[in-house]
C-alpha atoms as a PDB file:
ATOM      1  CA  PHE A   1     111.953 137.215  50.116  1.00  0.00           C
ATOM      2  CA  GLN A   2     109.343 139.926  49.738  1.00  0.00           C
ATOM      3  CA  ARG A   3     109.410 142.426  46.901  1.00  0.00           C
ATOM      4  CA  THR A   4     107.398 145.565  46.598  1.00  0.00           C
ATOM      5  CA  THR A   5     106.122 146.831  43.273  1.00  0.00           C
ATOM      6  CA  CYS A   6     108.942 148.755  41.681  1.00  0.00           C
ATOM      7  CA  GLY A   7     109.490 151.053  38.813  1.00  0.00           C
ATOM      8  CA  PRO A   8     109.039 154.592  37.713  1.00  0.00           C
ATOM      9  CA  SER A   9     105.253 154.490  37.988  1.00  0.00           C
ATOM     10  CA  SER A  10     105.029 152.801  41.365  1.00  0.00           C
ATOM     11  CA  GLY A  11     107.006 155.382  43.312  1.00  0.00           C
ATOM     12  CA  SER A  12     108.743 152.559  45.194  1.00  0.00           C
ATOM     13  CA  SER A  13     112.020 150.847  44.493  1.00  0.00           C
ATOM     14  CA  ILE A  14     112.574 148.986  47.767  1.00  0.00           C
ATOM     15  CA  ALA A  15     112.468 145.242  48.311  1.00  0.00           C
ATOM     16  CA  ALA A  16     112.406 143.875  51.860  1.00  0.00           C
ATOM     17  CA  GLY A  17     114.500 140.847  52.676  1.00  0.00           C
ATOM     18  CA  PRO A  18     115.699 138.677  55.549  1.00  0.00           C
ATOM     19  CA  GLN A  19     117.003 139.970  58.853  1.00  0.00           C
ATOM     20  CA  ASN A  20     120.336 138.172  58.388  1.00  0.00           C
ATOM     21  CA  LEU A  21     121.637 137.866  54.836  1.00  0.00           C
ATOM     22  CA  ASP A  22     124.163 135.124  55.613  1.00  0.00           C
ATOM     23  CA  ASP A  23     121.491 132.925  57.225  1.00  0.00           C
ATOM     24  CA  TRP A  24     119.222 133.476  54.241  1.00  0.00           C
ATOM     25  CA  LEU A  25     121.960 132.613  51.739  1.00  0.00           C
ATOM     26  CA  GLU A  26     122.870 129.437  53.643  1.00  0.00           C
ATOM     27  CA  GLN A  27     119.322 128.094  53.190  1.00  0.00           C
ATOM     28  CA  ASN A  28     120.155 127.392  49.554  1.00  0.00           C
ATOM     29  CA  ALA A  29     123.749 126.213  49.887  1.00  0.00           C
ATOM     30  CA  GLU A  30     124.621 123.522  47.387  1.00  0.00           C
ATOM     31  CA  PRO A  31     127.924 122.023  46.311  1.00  0.00           C
ATOM     32  CA  PRO A  32     129.400 123.105  42.980  1.00  0.00           C
ATOM     33  CA  VAL A  33     128.827 120.683  40.104  1.00  0.00           C
ATOM     34  CA  ASP A  34     132.505 120.787  39.055  1.00  0.00           C
ATOM     35  CA  PRO A  35     134.703 122.464  41.688  1.00  0.00           C
ATOM     36  CA  ASP A  36     137.805 122.172  39.477  1.00  0.00           C
ATOM     37  CA  LEU A  37     136.252 123.980  36.508  1.00  0.00           C
ATOM     38  CA  PRO A  38     137.998 127.358  36.079  1.00  0.00           C
ATOM     39  CA  ILE A  39     135.447 130.174  36.201  1.00  0.00           C
ATOM     40  CA  ILE A  40     135.424 133.853  35.402  1.00  0.00           C
ATOM     41  CA  ASP A  41     132.590 135.471  37.350  1.00  0.00           C
ATOM     42  CA  CYS A  42     131.337 137.644  34.533  1.00  0.00           C
ATOM     43  CA  HIS A  43     128.928 139.864  36.468  1.00  0.00           C
ATOM     44  CA  HIS A  44     129.235 141.178  39.996  1.00  0.00           C
ATOM     45  CA  HIS A  45     128.627 144.479  41.733  1.00  0.00           C
ATOM     46  CA  LEU A  46     130.511 146.280  44.479  1.00  0.00           C
ATOM     47  CA  ILE A  47     128.488 148.535  46.716  1.00  0.00           C
ATOM     48  CA  GLY A  48     129.050 150.773  49.706  1.00  0.00           C
ATOM     49  CA  SER A  49     131.415 153.582  50.520  1.00  0.00           C
ATOM     50  CA  TYR A  50     134.855 153.021  49.017  1.00  0.00           C
ATOM     51  CA  LYS A  51     137.604 152.186  51.450  1.00  0.00           C
ATOM     52  CA  PRO A  52     141.022 150.869  50.392  1.00  0.00           C
ATOM     53  CA  PHE A  53     141.250 147.087  50.120  1.00  0.00           C
ATOM     54  CA  GLY A  54     142.248 145.537  53.431  1.00  0.00           C
ATOM     55  CA  SER A  55     141.600 148.681  55.473  1.00  0.00           C
ATOM     56  CA  ARG A  56     138.411 147.468  57.157  1.00  0.00           C
ATOM     57  CA  ALA A  57     138.455 145.191  60.188  1.00  0.00           C
ATOM     58  CA  LYS A  58     136.740 141.815  59.726  1.00  0.00           C
ATOM     59  CA  ASN A  59     133.840 142.896  61.969  1.00  0.00           C
ATOM     60  CA  GLU A  60     133.138 145.841  59.620  1.00  0.00           C
ATOM     61  CA  ARG A  61     132.470 143.561  56.674  1.00  0.00           C
ATOM     62  CA  ARG A  62     129.077 142.093  57.503  1.00  0.00           C
ATOM     63  CA  PRO A  63     126.247 143.687  59.450  1.00  0.00           C
ATOM     64  CA  PRO A  64     126.061 142.588  63.083  1.00  0.00           C
ATOM     65  CA  ALA A  65     123.376 140.190  64.256  1.00  0.00           C
ATOM     66  CA  GLY A  66     120.136 142.055  64.825  1.00  0.00           C
ATOM     67  CA  ALA A  67     120.957 144.644  62.141  1.00  0.00           C
ATOM     68  CA  PRO A  68     117.982 146.294  60.471  1.00  0.00           C
ATOM     69  CA  THR A  69     116.090 144.363  57.817  1.00  0.00           C
ATOM     70  CA  LEU A  70     117.969 143.953  54.572  1.00  0.00           C
ATOM     71  CA  THR A  71     116.684 146.303  51.914  1.00  0.00           C
ATOM     72  CA  GLN A  72     117.625 146.383  48.306  1.00  0.00           C
ATOM     73  CA  VAL A  73     117.117 149.236  45.913  1.00  0.00           C
ATOM     74  CA  VAL A  74     116.122 147.254  42.860  1.00  0.00           C
ATOM     75  CA  TRP A  75     117.045 149.786  40.197  1.00  0.00           C
ATOM     76  CA  SER A  76     120.601 150.419  41.359  1.00  0.00           C
ATOM     77  CA  GLY A  77     121.423 147.115  43.015  1.00  0.00           C
ATOM     78  CA  VAL A  78     122.216 148.644  46.402  1.00  0.00           C
ATOM     79  CA  ARG A  79     121.562 146.745  49.583  1.00  0.00           C
ATOM     80  CA  SER A  80     121.696 148.653  52.821  1.00  0.00           C
ATOM     81  CA  SER A  81     122.731 145.760  55.059  1.00  0.00           C
ATOM     82  CA  GLY A  82     126.353 146.761  54.730  1.00  0.00           C
ATOM     83  CA  PRO A  83     129.068 147.179  52.149  1.00  0.00           C
ATOM     84  CA  TYR A  84     129.867 144.593  49.517  1.00  0.00           C
ATOM     85  CA  LEU A  85     133.371 145.436  48.385  1.00  0.00           C
ATOM     86  CA  ALA A  86     136.363 143.304  47.390  1.00  0.00           C
ATOM     87  CA  GLU A  87     136.683 141.722  50.850  1.00  0.00           C
ATOM     88  CA  GLU A  88     133.086 140.451  50.789  1.00  0.00           C
ATOM     89  CA  LEU A  89     133.395 139.295  47.186  1.00  0.00           C
ATOM     90  CA  LEU A  90     136.575 137.350  47.947  1.00  0.00           C
ATOM     91  CA  GLU A  91     135.013 135.880  51.089  1.00  0.00           C
ATOM     92  CA  ASP A  92     132.023 134.657  49.063  1.00  0.00           C
ATOM     93  CA  ILE A  93     134.334 133.162  46.444  1.00  0.00           C
ATOM     94  CA  ALA A  94     136.478 131.460  49.104  1.00  0.00           C
ATOM     95  CA  THR A  95     133.451 129.834  50.733  1.00  0.00           C
ATOM     96  CA  GLY A  96     131.572 129.037  47.521  1.00  0.00           C
ATOM     97  CA  GLY A  97     133.592 125.999  46.466  1.00  0.00           C
ATOM     98  CA  HIS A  98     134.088 127.153  42.880  1.00  0.00           C
ATOM     99  CA  ARG A  99     137.447 127.762  41.204  1.00  0.00           C
ATOM    100  CA  VAL A 100     136.988 131.427  40.357  1.00  0.00           C
ATOM    101  CA  LEU A 101     140.050 132.836  38.616  1.00  0.00           C
ATOM    102  CA  ALA A 102     138.802 136.344  37.852  1.00  0.00           C
ATOM    103  CA  THR A 103     135.761 138.602  38.081  1.00  0.00           C
ATOM    104  CA  VAL A 104     134.105 141.246  35.927  1.00  0.00           C
ATOM    105  CA  PHE A 105     132.520 144.289  37.560  1.00  0.00           C
ATOM    106  CA  ALA A 106     129.118 145.294  36.176  1.00  0.00           C
ATOM    107  CA  GLU A 107     128.147 148.934  36.531  1.00  0.00           C
ATOM    108  CA  CYS A 108     125.526 149.656  39.163  1.00  0.00           C
ATOM    109  CA  THR A 109     125.639 153.455  39.508  1.00  0.00           C
ATOM    110  CA  MET A 110     127.873 153.171  42.573  1.00  0.00           C
ATOM    111  CA  PHE A 111     130.886 155.406  43.277  1.00  0.00           C
ATOM    112  CA  PHE A 112     129.794 158.156  40.875  1.00  0.00           C
ATOM    113  CA  ASP A 113     131.949 161.262  41.267  1.00  0.00           C
ATOM    114  CA  PRO A 114     129.823 164.389  41.854  1.00  0.00           C
ATOM    115  CA  GLU A 115     132.941 166.549  41.394  1.00  0.00           C
ATOM    116  CA  GLN A 116     133.079 165.651  37.704  1.00  0.00           C
ATOM    117  CA  PRO A 117     131.393 167.765  35.020  1.00  0.00           C
ATOM    118  CA  ALA A 118     127.888 166.763  33.936  1.00  0.00           C
ATOM    119  CA  GLY A 119     127.979 163.468  32.074  1.00  0.00           C
ATOM    120  CA  PHE A 120     131.392 162.517  33.458  1.00  0.00           C
ATOM    121  CA  GLU A 121     130.169 161.524  36.953  1.00  0.00           C
ATOM    122  CA  CYS A 122     130.031 157.863  35.879  1.00  0.00           C
ATOM    123  CA  LEU A 123     133.831 157.819  35.542  1.00  0.00           C
ATOM    124  CA  GLY A 124     134.038 157.727  39.332  1.00  0.00           C
ATOM    125  CA  GLU A 125     132.642 154.199  39.318  1.00  0.00           C
ATOM    126  CA  THR A 126     135.075 152.920  36.702  1.00  0.00           C
ATOM    127  CA  ARG A 127     138.044 154.638  38.343  1.00  0.00           C
ATOM    128  CA  THR A 128     137.118 153.314  41.786  1.00  0.00           C
ATOM    129  CA  CYS A 129     136.743 149.773  40.470  1.00  0.00           C
ATOM    130  CA  GLN A 130     140.106 150.048  38.704  1.00  0.00           C
ATOM    131  CA  ARG A 131     141.632 151.276  41.972  1.00  0.00           C
ATOM    132  CA  ILE A 132     140.093 148.296  43.805  1.00  0.00           C
ATOM    133  CA  ALA A 133     141.482 145.913  41.144  1.00  0.00           C
ATOM    134  CA  ASP A 134     144.944 147.433  41.527  1.00  0.00           C
ATOM    135  CA  GLU A 135     144.802 147.321  45.337  1.00  0.00           C
ATOM    136  CA  VAL A 136     143.746 143.666  45.428  1.00  0.00           C
ATOM    137  CA  ALA A 137     146.482 142.707  42.949  1.00  0.00           C
ATOM    138  CA  ALA A 138     149.133 144.666  44.879  1.00  0.00           C
ATOM    139  CA  SER A 139     148.095 143.123  48.203  1.00  0.00           C
ATOM    140  CA  GLY A 140     149.338 139.656  47.262  1.00  0.00           C
ATOM    141  CA  GLU A 141     146.497 138.208  49.356  1.00  0.00           C
ATOM    142  CA  THR A 142     144.838 136.317  46.504  1.00  0.00           C
ATOM    143  CA  ASP A 143     145.486 134.934  43.043  1.00  0.00           C
ATOM    144  CA  ILE A 144     141.953 135.894  41.986  1.00  0.00           C
ATOM    145  CA  VAL A 145     141.933 138.832  39.598  1.00  0.00           C
ATOM    146  CA  VAL A 146     139.172 141.064  40.982  1.00  0.00           C
ATOM    147  CA  ASN A 147     137.606 143.409  38.414  1.00  0.00           C
ATOM    148  CA  ALA A 148     139.703 141.893  35.607  1.00  0.00           C
ATOM    149  CA  GLY A 149     137.084 143.465  33.404  1.00  0.00           C
ATOM    150  CA  ILE A 150     134.960 146.503  34.161  1.00  0.00           C
ATOM    151  CA  PHE A 151     131.935 147.547  32.220  1.00  0.00           C
ATOM    152  CA  GLY A 152     130.736 151.002  33.050  1.00  0.00           C
ATOM    153  CA  THR A 153     127.994 153.311  31.963  1.00  0.00           C
ATOM    154  CA  CYS A 154     127.588 156.454  29.923  1.00  0.00           C
ATOM    155  CA  ASP A 155     124.467 158.462  29.175  1.00  0.00           C
ATOM    156  CA  LEU A 156     124.545 157.988  25.401  1.00  0.00           C
ATOM    157  CA  LEU A 157     121.016 159.261  24.927  1.00  0.00           C
ATOM    158  CA  GLY A 158     121.504 162.364  27.054  1.00  0.00           C
ATOM    159  CA  LEU A 159     125.007 163.222  25.833  1.00  0.00           C
ATOM    160  CA  GLY A 160     124.695 162.260  22.191  1.00  0.00           C
ATOM    161  CA  ALA A 161     127.926 163.061  20.327  1.00  0.00           C
ATOM    162  CA  GLU A 162     129.308 164.570  23.556  1.00  0.00           C
ATOM    163  CA  ALA A 163     129.523 161.015  24.959  1.00  0.00           C
ATOM    164  CA  GLU A 164     132.749 160.338  23.057  1.00  0.00           C
ATOM    165  CA  PRO A 165     135.088 162.024  25.581  1.00  0.00           C
ATOM    166  CA  VAL A 166     133.389 160.128  28.410  1.00  0.00           C
ATOM    167  CA  LEU A 167     133.852 156.822  26.599  1.00  0.00           C
ATOM    168  CA  ARG A 168     137.474 157.685  25.796  1.00  0.00           C
ATOM    169  CA  ALA A 169     138.097 158.501  29.482  1.00  0.00           C
ATOM    170  CA  HIS A 170     136.679 155.075  30.444  1.00  0.00           C
ATOM    171  CA  MET A 171     138.954 153.456  27.843  1.00  0.00           C
ATOM    172  CA  GLU A 172     142.051 154.987  29.455  1.00  0.00           C
ATOM    173  CA  LEU A 173     141.603 152.570  32.340  1.00  0.00           C
ATOM    174  CA  PRO A 174     143.245 149.199  31.621  1.00  0.00           C
ATOM    175  CA  ASN A 175     140.424 146.960  32.846  1.00  0.00           C
ATOM    176  CA  PHE A 176     137.580 148.819  31.108  1.00  0.00           C
END
């Protein structure tokens, strides 16, 4: 896995990776130490363009063989090899051998809502992840509680005291 120098001073935030992510991940497959141990995955990201849970065909979930080289934007956690939404998360859990009961979404500056006023754009991420949690639960397809917890972001430094309404808007969502 090759990484380029990243950060504000380098001008680059791209890391190059394998041609096929699944093949690369399988190189390090190992059995779980205790497959019966109940687990809450306390930090995962969802990336890509939002589409309702279950609306994408199976062949839309992973990039096709021969897809362009995987790239990852280090600062925002985005990989351009394809989406990683609830379907991919649940597929990884199903094939991982662990007894995952629930997951917690960690903010990654994805799904921001440009229609919101300045400072409130981050609510798009929390709202989208709540919507995904609700859709997965309503589907009846799994007992795993996806996005049981959501931790979002807010520009406390930039907004100062004006951050309170943003935080209160996050708190209106049940899984935040």
